[in-house]
Amino acid sequence: MNIAAIASTTTRQPLTAAALRTAAPEVQRQQVAAQFEAILVRQLLSKSVTSMLGGANDVGGNVYGDMLTDSLAQQLTAGPGLGLGRMITQQLTPRGHPAPNPPNPAAAAP
């Protein structure tokens, strides 16, 4: 099993600010929803990870807790994510415009 191939087909690459401004509205909605999902996950994880690594009084625990929280949030929201991004995209999509289907990573695998 080639894990690198699986990871490369399921990871969403965020657009730069300039590319996001000129992207299609559907792409903009998907990118903003994915970014918001990552922020929410990071907020949910921050307290539990910080307390796990020594609490708020330990400077080292705070630094490593923030690094671990960012890494976990990025990994959890990469690819299809937790589903929050899809729901946010659906809510941001105007009526009469169907929400785009996310790519199916299983179909891309050989």
C-alpha atoms as a PDB file:
ATOM      1  CA  MET A   1       0.000   0.000   0.000  1.00  0.00           C
ATOM      2  CA  ASN A   2       1.404   3.343  -1.058  1.00  0.00           C
ATOM      3  CA  ILE A   3       0.482   5.856   1.651  1.00  0.00           C
ATOM      4  CA  ALA A   4       2.148   8.795  -0.118  1.00  0.00           C
ATOM      5  CA  ALA A   5      -0.114   8.344  -3.139  1.00  0.00           C
ATOM      6  CA  ILE A   6      -3.212   8.245  -0.958  1.00  0.00           C
ATOM      7  CA  ALA A   7      -2.202  11.345   0.974  1.00  0.00           C
ATOM      8  CA  SER A   8      -1.454  13.323  -2.176  1.00  0.00           C
ATOM      9  CA  THR A   9      -4.889  12.638  -3.674  1.00  0.00           C
ATOM     10  CA  THR A  10      -6.874  13.619  -0.590  1.00  0.00           C
ATOM     11  CA  THR A  11      -5.145  16.844   0.483  1.00  0.00           C
ATOM     12  CA  ARG A  12      -6.777  20.181  -0.314  1.00  0.00           C
ATOM     13  CA  GLN A  13      -4.296  22.832  -1.320  1.00  0.00           C
ATOM     14  CA  PRO A  14      -5.319  26.307  -0.138  1.00  0.00           C
ATOM     15  CA  LEU A  15      -5.207  29.054  -2.722  1.00  0.00           C
ATOM     16  CA  THR A  16      -3.119  32.169  -2.291  1.00  0.00           C
ATOM     17  CA  ALA A  17      -4.989  35.395  -1.556  1.00  0.00           C
ATOM     18  CA  ALA A  18      -4.543  36.669  -5.120  1.00  0.00           C
ATOM     19  CA  ALA A  19      -5.696  33.370  -6.640  1.00  0.00           C
ATOM     20  CA  LEU A  20      -8.687  33.244  -4.301  1.00  0.00           C
ATOM     21  CA  ARG A  21      -9.808  36.739  -5.351  1.00  0.00           C
ATOM     22  CA  THR A  22      -9.821  35.747  -9.020  1.00  0.00           C
ATOM     23  CA  ALA A  23     -11.235  32.235  -8.532  1.00  0.00           C
ATOM     24  CA  ALA A  24     -14.763  31.199  -9.413  1.00  0.00           C
ATOM     25  CA  PRO A  25     -17.381  31.777  -6.694  1.00  0.00           C
ATOM     26  CA  GLU A  26     -17.768  28.010  -6.166  1.00  0.00           C
ATOM     27  CA  VAL A  27     -14.050  27.660  -5.506  1.00  0.00           C
ATOM     28  CA  GLN A  28     -14.087  30.674  -3.194  1.00  0.00           C
ATOM     29  CA  ARG A  29     -16.928  29.161  -1.150  1.00  0.00           C
ATOM     30  CA  GLN A  30     -15.118  25.811  -0.873  1.00  0.00           C
ATOM     31  CA  GLN A  31     -11.836  27.422   0.184  1.00  0.00           C
ATOM     32  CA  VAL A  32     -13.437  29.721   2.756  1.00  0.00           C
ATOM     33  CA  ALA A  33     -15.481  26.823   4.177  1.00  0.00           C
ATOM     34  CA  ALA A  34     -12.351  24.653   4.455  1.00  0.00           C
ATOM     35  CA  GLN A  35     -10.449  27.451   6.207  1.00  0.00           C
ATOM     36  CA  PHE A  36     -13.323  28.061   8.609  1.00  0.00           C
ATOM     37  CA  GLU A  37     -13.541  24.333   9.357  1.00  0.00           C
ATOM     38  CA  ALA A  38      -9.831  24.310  10.215  1.00  0.00           C
ATOM     39  CA  ILE A  39     -10.284  27.304  12.534  1.00  0.00           C
ATOM     40  CA  LEU A  40     -13.183  25.621  14.336  1.00  0.00           C
ATOM     41  CA  VAL A  41     -11.265  22.369  14.780  1.00  0.00           C
ATOM     42  CA  ARG A  42      -8.224  24.271  16.040  1.00  0.00           C
ATOM     43  CA  GLN A  43     -10.378  26.077  18.609  1.00  0.00           C
ATOM     44  CA  LEU A  44     -11.982  22.823  19.757  1.00  0.00           C
ATOM     45  CA  LEU A  45      -8.623  21.084  20.134  1.00  0.00           C
ATOM     46  CA  SER A  46      -6.672  23.928  21.744  1.00  0.00           C
ATOM     47  CA  LYS A  47      -7.930  23.585  25.320  1.00  0.00           C
ATOM     48  CA  SER A  48      -7.709  19.812  25.469  1.00  0.00           C
ATOM     49  CA  VAL A  49      -4.234  19.590  23.931  1.00  0.00           C
ATOM     50  CA  THR A  50      -2.843  22.400  26.109  1.00  0.00           C
ATOM     51  CA  SER A  51      -4.157  20.798  29.286  1.00  0.00           C
ATOM     52  CA  MET A  52      -2.792  17.439  28.177  1.00  0.00           C
ATOM     53  CA  LEU A  53       0.733  18.867  27.814  1.00  0.00           C
ATOM     54  CA  GLY A  54       1.049  20.636  31.147  1.00  0.00           C
ATOM     55  CA  GLY A  55      -1.644  23.241  31.378  1.00  0.00           C
ATOM     56  CA  ALA A  56      -1.627  26.982  30.858  1.00  0.00           C
ATOM     57  CA  ASN A  57       1.171  27.648  33.388  1.00  0.00           C
ATOM     58  CA  ASP A  58       3.868  25.793  31.457  1.00  0.00           C
ATOM     59  CA  VAL A  59       5.424  27.813  28.600  1.00  0.00           C
ATOM     60  CA  GLY A  60       6.812  24.690  26.938  1.00  0.00           C
ATOM     61  CA  GLY A  61       3.422  23.033  27.144  1.00  0.00           C
ATOM     62  CA  ASN A  62       1.849  26.058  25.481  1.00  0.00           C
ATOM     63  CA  VAL A  63       4.339  26.117  22.601  1.00  0.00           C
ATOM     64  CA  TYR A  64       4.175  22.395  21.910  1.00  0.00           C
ATOM     65  CA  GLY A  65       0.425  22.405  22.510  1.00  0.00           C
ATOM     66  CA  ASP A  66      -0.067  25.089  19.864  1.00  0.00           C
ATOM     67  CA  MET A  67       2.162  23.233  17.413  1.00  0.00           C
ATOM     68  CA  LEU A  68       0.364  19.958  18.052  1.00  0.00           C
ATOM     69  CA  THR A  69      -3.048  21.631  17.799  1.00  0.00           C
ATOM     70  CA  ASP A  70      -2.167  23.223  14.446  1.00  0.00           C
ATOM     71  CA  SER A  71      -0.825  19.953  13.093  1.00  0.00           C
ATOM     72  CA  LEU A  72      -3.850  17.953  14.247  1.00  0.00           C
ATOM     73  CA  ALA A  73      -6.283  20.538  12.877  1.00  0.00           C
ATOM     74  CA  GLN A  74      -4.543  20.558   9.493  1.00  0.00           C
ATOM     75  CA  GLN A  75      -4.562  16.773   9.262  1.00  0.00           C
ATOM     76  CA  LEU A  76      -8.166  16.417  10.409  1.00  0.00           C
ATOM     77  CA  THR A  77      -9.438  18.965   7.907  1.00  0.00           C
ATOM     78  CA  ALA A  78      -7.276  17.881   4.962  1.00  0.00           C
ATOM     79  CA  GLY A  79      -9.050  16.100   2.127  1.00  0.00           C
ATOM     80  CA  PRO A  80     -12.756  15.660   2.813  1.00  0.00           C
ATOM     81  CA  GLY A  81     -12.293  16.935   6.367  1.00  0.00           C
ATOM     82  CA  LEU A  82     -14.891  16.321   9.041  1.00  0.00           C
ATOM     83  CA  GLY A  83     -17.870  17.352   6.933  1.00  0.00           C
ATOM     84  CA  LEU A  84     -18.240  20.812   8.430  1.00  0.00           C
ATOM     85  CA  GLY A  85     -16.737  22.415   5.329  1.00  0.00           C
ATOM     86  CA  ARG A  86     -19.274  20.715   3.068  1.00  0.00           C
ATOM     87  CA  MET A  87     -22.148  21.927   5.243  1.00  0.00           C
ATOM     88  CA  ILE A  88     -20.744  25.471   5.312  1.00  0.00           C
ATOM     89  CA  THR A  89     -20.307  25.407   1.516  1.00  0.00           C
ATOM     90  CA  GLN A  90     -23.895  24.256   1.151  1.00  0.00           C
ATOM     91  CA  GLN A  91     -25.113  27.096   3.381  1.00  0.00           C
ATOM     92  CA  LEU A  92     -23.048  29.687   1.463  1.00  0.00           C
ATOM     93  CA  THR A  93     -24.278  28.478  -1.939  1.00  0.00           C
ATOM     94  CA  PRO A  94     -27.145  30.638  -3.245  1.00  0.00           C
ATOM     95  CA  ARG A  95     -30.433  28.887  -3.934  1.00  0.00           C
ATOM     96  CA  GLY A  96     -30.717  27.609  -7.463  1.00  0.00           C
ATOM     97  CA  HIS A  97     -26.982  26.905  -7.685  1.00  0.00           C
ATOM     98  CA  PRO A  98     -26.200  23.300  -6.775  1.00  0.00           C
ATOM     99  CA  ALA A  99     -23.254  22.851  -4.466  1.00  0.00           C
ATOM    100  CA  PRO A 100     -20.324  21.260  -6.317  1.00  0.00           C
ATOM    101  CA  ASN A 101     -19.611  17.639  -5.505  1.00  0.00           C
ATOM    102  CA  PRO A 102     -16.279  17.124  -3.753  1.00  0.00           C
ATOM    103  CA  PRO A 103     -13.806  14.964  -5.670  1.00  0.00           C
ATOM    104  CA  ASN A 104     -13.991  11.286  -4.829  1.00  0.00           C
ATOM    105  CA  PRO A 105     -10.479  10.196  -3.728  1.00  0.00           C
ATOM    106  CA  ALA A 106     -11.414   6.511  -4.099  1.00  0.00           C
ATOM    107  CA  ALA A 107     -12.128   7.027  -7.791  1.00  0.00           C
ATOM    108  CA  ALA A 108      -8.689   8.585  -8.331  1.00  0.00           C
ATOM    109  CA  ALA A 109      -6.848   5.592  -6.865  1.00  0.00           C
ATOM    110  CA  PRO A 110      -5.696   2.950  -9.386  1.00  0.00           C
END
